[in-house]
C-alpha atoms as a PDB file:
ATOM      1  CA  MET A   1      96.826  84.525 114.366  1.00  0.00           C
ATOM      2  CA  PHE A   2      94.649  86.427 111.905  1.00  0.00           C
ATOM      3  CA  GLU A   3      94.112  86.734 108.171  1.00  0.00           C
ATOM      4  CA  VAL A   4      92.786  89.625 106.076  1.00  0.00           C
ATOM      5  CA  VAL A   5      91.475  89.174 102.498  1.00  0.00           C
ATOM      6  CA  PHE A   6      90.893  91.842  99.853  1.00  0.00           C
ATOM      7  CA  ASN A   7      89.500  91.547  96.330  1.00  0.00           C
ATOM      8  CA  HIS A   8      89.509  94.635  94.153  1.00  0.00           C
ATOM      9  CA  VAL A   9      89.107  95.595  90.507  1.00  0.00           C
ATOM     10  CA  PHE A  10      91.294  98.418  89.235  1.00  0.00           C
ATOM     11  CA  LYS A  11      89.623  99.933  86.184  1.00  0.00           C
ATOM     12  CA  PHE A  12      93.027 100.342  84.594  1.00  0.00           C
ATOM     13  CA  PRO A  13      95.044  98.068  82.261  1.00  0.00           C
ATOM     14  CA  LEU A  14      97.289  95.395  83.762  1.00  0.00           C
ATOM     15  CA  ASP A  15     100.532  96.926  82.408  1.00  0.00           C
ATOM     16  CA  LEU A  16      99.748 100.250  84.069  1.00  0.00           C
ATOM     17  CA  VAL A  17      98.834  98.589  87.390  1.00  0.00           C
ATOM     18  CA  ILE A  18     102.056  96.542  87.407  1.00  0.00           C
ATOM     19  CA  HIS A  19     104.145  99.545  86.375  1.00  0.00           C
ATOM     20  CA  THR A  20     102.577 101.547  89.211  1.00  0.00           C
ATOM     21  CA  HIS A  21     103.170  98.746  91.726  1.00  0.00           C
ATOM     22  CA  PHE A  22     106.890  98.711  90.966  1.00  0.00           C
ATOM     23  CA  ASN A  23     107.203 102.486  91.124  1.00  0.00           C
ATOM     24  CA  LYS A  24     104.955 103.441  94.056  1.00  0.00           C
ATOM     25  CA  TYR A  25     107.739 103.235  96.654  1.00  0.00           C
ATOM     26  CA  PRO A  26     109.401 104.951  98.420  1.00  0.00           C
ATOM     27  CA  ASN A  27     106.244 106.679  99.524  1.00  0.00           C
ATOM     28  CA  GLU A  28     105.790 108.586 102.775  1.00  0.00           C
ATOM     29  CA  LYS A  29     101.985 108.219 102.611  1.00  0.00           C
ATOM     30  CA  MET A  30     102.370 104.444 102.861  1.00  0.00           C
ATOM     31  CA  ASP A  31     105.163 104.565 105.481  1.00  0.00           C
ATOM     32  CA  VAL A  32     107.754 103.173 103.028  1.00  0.00           C
ATOM     33  CA  VAL A  33     110.906 105.297 103.130  1.00  0.00           C
ATOM     34  CA  GLY A  34     113.249 103.179 101.032  1.00  0.00           C
ATOM     35  CA  VAL A  35     113.406 100.309  98.522  1.00  0.00           C
ATOM     36  CA  LYS A  36     116.373  98.243  97.423  1.00  0.00           C
ATOM     37  CA  ILE A  37     116.321  95.634  94.659  1.00  0.00           C
ATOM     38  CA  GLU A  38     118.273  92.644  95.972  1.00  0.00           C
ATOM     39  CA  GLU A  39     117.765  90.328  93.004  1.00  0.00           C
ATOM     40  CA  GLN A  40     116.244  90.502  89.534  1.00  0.00           C
ATOM     41  CA  HIS A  41     116.309  88.053  86.626  1.00  0.00           C
ATOM     42  CA  TYR A  42     114.380  86.691  83.663  1.00  0.00           C
ATOM     43  CA  ASP A  43     113.989  83.027  82.708  1.00  0.00           C
ATOM     44  CA  SER A  44     113.548  82.958  78.924  1.00  0.00           C
ATOM     45  CA  HIS A  45     112.469  79.305  78.989  1.00  0.00           C
ATOM     46  CA  THR A  46     109.471  79.906  81.292  1.00  0.00           C
ATOM     47  CA  ALA A  47     109.032  83.620  80.371  1.00  0.00           C
ATOM     48  CA  ILE A  48     109.001  84.492  84.086  1.00  0.00           C
ATOM     49  CA  HIS A  49     110.479  87.723  85.420  1.00  0.00           C
ATOM     50  CA  TYR A  50     111.554  87.643  89.080  1.00  0.00           C
ATOM     51  CA  TRP A  51     112.355  90.424  91.552  1.00  0.00           C
ATOM     52  CA  ARG A  52     113.258  90.434  95.225  1.00  0.00           C
ATOM     53  CA  ARG A  53     113.098  93.810  96.957  1.00  0.00           C
ATOM     54  CA  VAL A  54     113.576  94.970 100.527  1.00  0.00           C
ATOM     55  CA  MET A  55     111.472  97.860 101.780  1.00  0.00           C
ATOM     56  CA  THR A  56     112.397 100.071 104.718  1.00  0.00           C
ATOM     57  CA  CYS A  57     109.269 101.229 106.546  1.00  0.00           C
ATOM     58  CA  ARG A  58     108.608 103.521 109.475  1.00  0.00           C
ATOM     59  CA  ASN A  59     107.746 101.697 112.692  1.00  0.00           C
ATOM     60  CA  ILE A  60     104.075 102.599 113.099  1.00  0.00           C
ATOM     61  CA  LEU A  61     103.498 100.792 116.387  1.00  0.00           C
ATOM     62  CA  PRO A  62     101.974 103.039 119.057  1.00  0.00           C
ATOM     63  CA  ALA A  63     104.235 104.343 121.823  1.00  0.00           C
ATOM     64  CA  ILE A  64     102.746 101.926 124.365  1.00  0.00           C
ATOM     65  CA  PHE A  65     104.151  98.958 122.412  1.00  0.00           C
ATOM     66  CA  LYS A  66     107.503 100.699 121.974  1.00  0.00           C
ATOM     67  CA  LYS A  67     107.993 100.609 125.747  1.00  0.00           C
ATOM     68  CA  PHE A  68     109.325  97.093 125.082  1.00  0.00           C
ATOM     69  CA  PRO A  69     112.914  97.560 123.869  1.00  0.00           C
ATOM     70  CA  ILE A  70     112.577  94.850 121.197  1.00  0.00           C
ATOM     71  CA  LEU A  71     109.718  96.801 119.560  1.00  0.00           C
ATOM     72  CA  ASP A  72     111.364 100.224 119.881  1.00  0.00           C
ATOM     73  CA  VAL A  73     113.083 100.480 116.492  1.00  0.00           C
ATOM     74  CA  ASN A  74     112.880 103.327 113.987  1.00  0.00           C
ATOM     75  CA  ALA A  75     112.675 101.205 110.840  1.00  0.00           C
ATOM     76  CA  VAL A  76     111.077  97.891 109.939  1.00  0.00           C
ATOM     77  CA  LEU A  77     112.282  95.813 106.979  1.00  0.00           C
ATOM     78  CA  LEU A  78     109.952  93.911 104.660  1.00  0.00           C
ATOM     79  CA  GLU A  79     110.957  91.564 101.849  1.00  0.00           C
ATOM     80  CA  GLU A  80     108.894  91.326  98.669  1.00  0.00           C
ATOM     81  CA  GLU A  81     109.249  88.696  95.955  1.00  0.00           C
ATOM     82  CA  CYS A  82     107.487  89.128  92.606  1.00  0.00           C
ATOM     83  CA  TRP A  83     106.997  86.767  89.689  1.00  0.00           C
ATOM     84  CA  TYR A  84     105.570  88.068  86.429  1.00  0.00           C
ATOM     85  CA  HIS A  85     104.323  85.208  84.261  1.00  0.00           C
ATOM     86  CA  LYS A  86     104.318  86.758  80.821  1.00  0.00           C
ATOM     87  CA  LYS A  87     102.369  83.916  79.152  1.00  0.00           C
ATOM     88  CA  GLU A  88      99.636  83.968  81.819  1.00  0.00           C
ATOM     89  CA  GLU A  89      99.702  87.756  82.186  1.00  0.00           C
ATOM     90  CA  VAL A  90      99.754  87.524  85.966  1.00  0.00           C
ATOM     91  CA  LEU A  91     101.956  89.100  88.627  1.00  0.00           C
ATOM     92  CA  ARG A  92     102.261  87.164  91.875  1.00  0.00           C
ATOM     93  CA  ILE A  93     103.654  88.965  94.901  1.00  0.00           C
ATOM     94  CA  LYS A  94     104.692  87.561  98.267  1.00  0.00           C
ATOM     95  CA  SER A  95     105.957  89.673 101.110  1.00  0.00           C
ATOM     96  CA  ARG A  96     107.035  89.020 104.662  1.00  0.00           C
ATOM     97  CA  ASN A  97     108.579  90.826 107.588  1.00  0.00           C
ATOM     98  CA  VAL A  98     112.338  90.658 108.055  1.00  0.00           C
ATOM     99  CA  THR A  99     112.372  92.695 111.262  1.00  0.00           C
ATOM    100  CA  TRP A 100     111.120  90.683 114.244  1.00  0.00           C
ATOM    101  CA  HIS A 101     110.743  87.510 112.118  1.00  0.00           C
ATOM    102  CA  GLU A 102     111.904  85.397 115.053  1.00  0.00           C
ATOM    103  CA  TYR A 103     109.024  86.766 117.132  1.00  0.00           C
ATOM    104  CA  ALA A 104     106.235  87.234 114.603  1.00  0.00           C
ATOM    105  CA  GLN A 105     105.390  86.108 111.103  1.00  0.00           C
ATOM    106  CA  ALA A 106     103.627  88.730 108.981  1.00  0.00           C
ATOM    107  CA  TRP A 107     102.905  87.837 105.376  1.00  0.00           C
ATOM    108  CA  GLU A 108     100.955  88.949 102.342  1.00  0.00           C
ATOM    109  CA  GLU A 109     100.234  87.270  99.005  1.00  0.00           C
ATOM    110  CA  SER A 110      98.787  89.186  96.075  1.00  0.00           C
ATOM    111  CA  GLU A 111      97.908  88.435  92.500  1.00  0.00           C
ATOM    112  CA  LEU A 112      97.299  90.937  89.718  1.00  0.00           C
ATOM    113  CA  ARG A 113      95.771  89.717  86.465  1.00  0.00           C
ATOM    114  CA  ARG A 114      93.780  90.979  83.520  1.00  0.00           C
ATOM    115  CA  SER A 115      90.084  91.070  84.405  1.00  0.00           C
ATOM    116  CA  LYS A 116      87.721  88.600  82.773  1.00  0.00           C
ATOM    117  CA  ASP A 117      85.124  91.387  82.583  1.00  0.00           C
ATOM    118  CA  SER A 118      87.273  93.822  80.595  1.00  0.00           C
ATOM    119  CA  SER A 119      90.741  93.567  79.060  1.00  0.00           C
ATOM    120  CA  GLN A 120      91.304  97.159  80.231  1.00  0.00           C
ATOM    121  CA  TRP A 121      90.775  96.286  83.903  1.00  0.00           C
ATOM    122  CA  THR A 122      92.934  94.463  86.451  1.00  0.00           C
ATOM    123  CA  THR A 123      91.743  92.211  89.253  1.00  0.00           C
ATOM    124  CA  MET A 124      93.663  92.011  92.495  1.00  0.00           C
ATOM    125  CA  THR A 125      93.307  89.311  95.094  1.00  0.00           C
ATOM    126  CA  GLN A 126      95.256  89.757  98.287  1.00  0.00           C
ATOM    127  CA  ARG A 127      95.461  87.916 101.557  1.00  0.00           C
ATOM    128  CA  GLY A 128      97.747  88.458 104.455  1.00  0.00           C
ATOM    129  CA  GLY A 129      98.104  87.663 108.078  1.00  0.00           C
ATOM    130  CA  LEU A 130     100.123  87.741 111.234  1.00  0.00           C
ATOM    131  CA  GLU A 131     101.060  85.296 113.925  1.00  0.00           C
ATOM    132  CA  ILE A 132     102.925  86.392 117.030  1.00  0.00           C
ATOM    133  CA  LYS A 133     104.958  83.542 118.459  1.00  0.00           C
ATOM    134  CA  VAL A 134     105.969  85.123 121.771  1.00  0.00           C
ATOM    135  CA  PHE A 135     104.689  87.413 124.528  1.00  0.00           C
ATOM    136  CA  GLY A 136     101.786  85.125 125.563  1.00  0.00           C
ATOM    137  CA  LYS A 137      98.554  87.032 126.207  1.00  0.00           C
ATOM    138  CA  PHE A 138     100.250  90.334 125.431  1.00  0.00           C
ATOM    139  CA  GLY A 139     101.059  88.906 121.989  1.00  0.00           C
ATOM    140  CA  ARG A 140      97.326  88.344 121.422  1.00  0.00           C
ATOM    141  CA  VAL A 141      96.655  92.000 122.352  1.00  0.00           C
ATOM    142  CA  VAL A 142      99.265  93.087 119.791  1.00  0.00           C
ATOM    143  CA  GLU A 143      97.675  90.757 117.183  1.00  0.00           C
ATOM    144  CA  TYR A 144      94.250  92.248 117.896  1.00  0.00           C
ATOM    145  CA  PHE A 145      95.609  95.776 117.431  1.00  0.00           C
ATOM    146  CA  LEU A 146      97.478  94.813 114.258  1.00  0.00           C
ATOM    147  CA  HIS A 147      94.436  93.045 112.779  1.00  0.00           C
ATOM    148  CA  GLY A 148      92.522  96.312 112.758  1.00  0.00           C
ATOM    149  CA  LEU A 149      95.582  98.160 111.491  1.00  0.00           C
ATOM    150  CA  ALA A 150      96.032  95.615 108.670  1.00  0.00           C
ATOM    151  CA  LYS A 151      92.439  96.137 107.522  1.00  0.00           C
ATOM    152  CA  ARG A 152      92.799  99.920 107.570  1.00  0.00           C
ATOM    153  CA  ASN A 153      96.196  99.864 105.855  1.00  0.00           C
ATOM    154  CA  GLY A 154      94.931  97.444 103.199  1.00  0.00           C
ATOM    155  CA  MET A 155      92.066  99.758 102.303  1.00  0.00           C
ATOM    156  CA  ARG A 156      94.373 102.775 102.455  1.00  0.00           C
ATOM    157  CA  ALA A 157      96.813 101.028 100.079  1.00  0.00           C
ATOM    158  CA  ILE A 158      94.014 100.307  97.589  1.00  0.00           C
ATOM    159  CA  TYR A 159      92.806 103.934  97.676  1.00  0.00           C
ATOM    160  CA  HIS A 160      96.370 105.181  97.321  1.00  0.00           C
ATOM    161  CA  MET A 161      96.998 102.849  94.363  1.00  0.00           C
ATOM    162  CA  GLU A 162      93.791 104.138  92.723  1.00  0.00           C
ATOM    163  CA  ASP A 163      95.074 107.715  93.124  1.00  0.00           C
ATOM    164  CA  LEU A 164      98.466 106.819  91.662  1.00  0.00           C
ATOM    165  CA  LEU A 165      96.809 105.023  88.744  1.00  0.00           C
ATOM    166  CA  SER A 166      94.589 108.018  88.016  1.00  0.00           C
ATOM    167  CA  ASP A 167      97.669 110.262  87.970  1.00  0.00           C
ATOM    168  CA  LYS A 168      99.707 107.857  85.837  1.00  0.00           C
ATOM    169  CA  GLN A 169      96.859 107.268  83.392  1.00  0.00           C
ATOM    170  CA  GLN A 170      97.462 110.822  82.219  1.00  0.00           C
ATOM    171  CA  GLN A 171     101.111 109.941  81.504  1.00  0.00           C
ATOM    172  CA  PRO A 172     101.899 107.286  78.882  1.00  0.00           C
ATOM    173  CA  VAL A 173     103.873 104.261  80.078  1.00  0.00           C
ATOM    174  CA  LYS A 174     107.097 104.243  78.086  1.00  0.00           C
ATOM    175  CA  GLY A 175     107.543 100.748  76.710  1.00  0.00           C
ATOM    176  CA  PRO A 176     106.771  97.560  78.611  1.00  0.00           C
ATOM    177  CA  PHE A 177     107.042  98.004  82.383  1.00  0.00           C
ATOM    178  CA  ILE A 178     109.609  95.206  82.552  1.00  0.00           C
ATOM    179  CA  HIS A 179     112.274  97.364  80.918  1.00  0.00           C
ATOM    180  CA  LEU A 180     111.838 100.317  83.246  1.00  0.00           C
ATOM    181  CA  PRO A 181     114.504 100.824  85.873  1.00  0.00           C
ATOM    182  CA  LEU A 182     113.054  99.595  89.126  1.00  0.00           C
END
């Protein structure tokens, strides 16, 4: 089992960061080829917006791992749940693997909130991990490989988000992000 932690400050307003999060997929650069909203609702009593999405991703495992039939699939499904707490101005995100969940548990938890240093900045805290429940010592080899991959992909995702934010900063966000079609 391993865990990866990232802390980052986006020098962009929270609304723009959240808007960009919900509109960055599908995205070939990040191996996400499809997104489907499974559930979406708003609780007016708590002022919490909720979404549940399923992402279809390319299987990025190296060919050596795909020699095992169970790992040789074209697409991998991930589930993401998001809660936007309007009063707190915080978006909490939890994601997990759907594909191979009986063999391995991959997870990620993120939080986006207005920075204490500047109201025009957004802080992100993110932690994620993986535990392979089968394959014995080979499972540990896969974990070791995926630990390095998780670190690289986490940094790549931050850089990609920065690029998207820079592009979107030039375009005004039309209304609150909540009302945009997701």
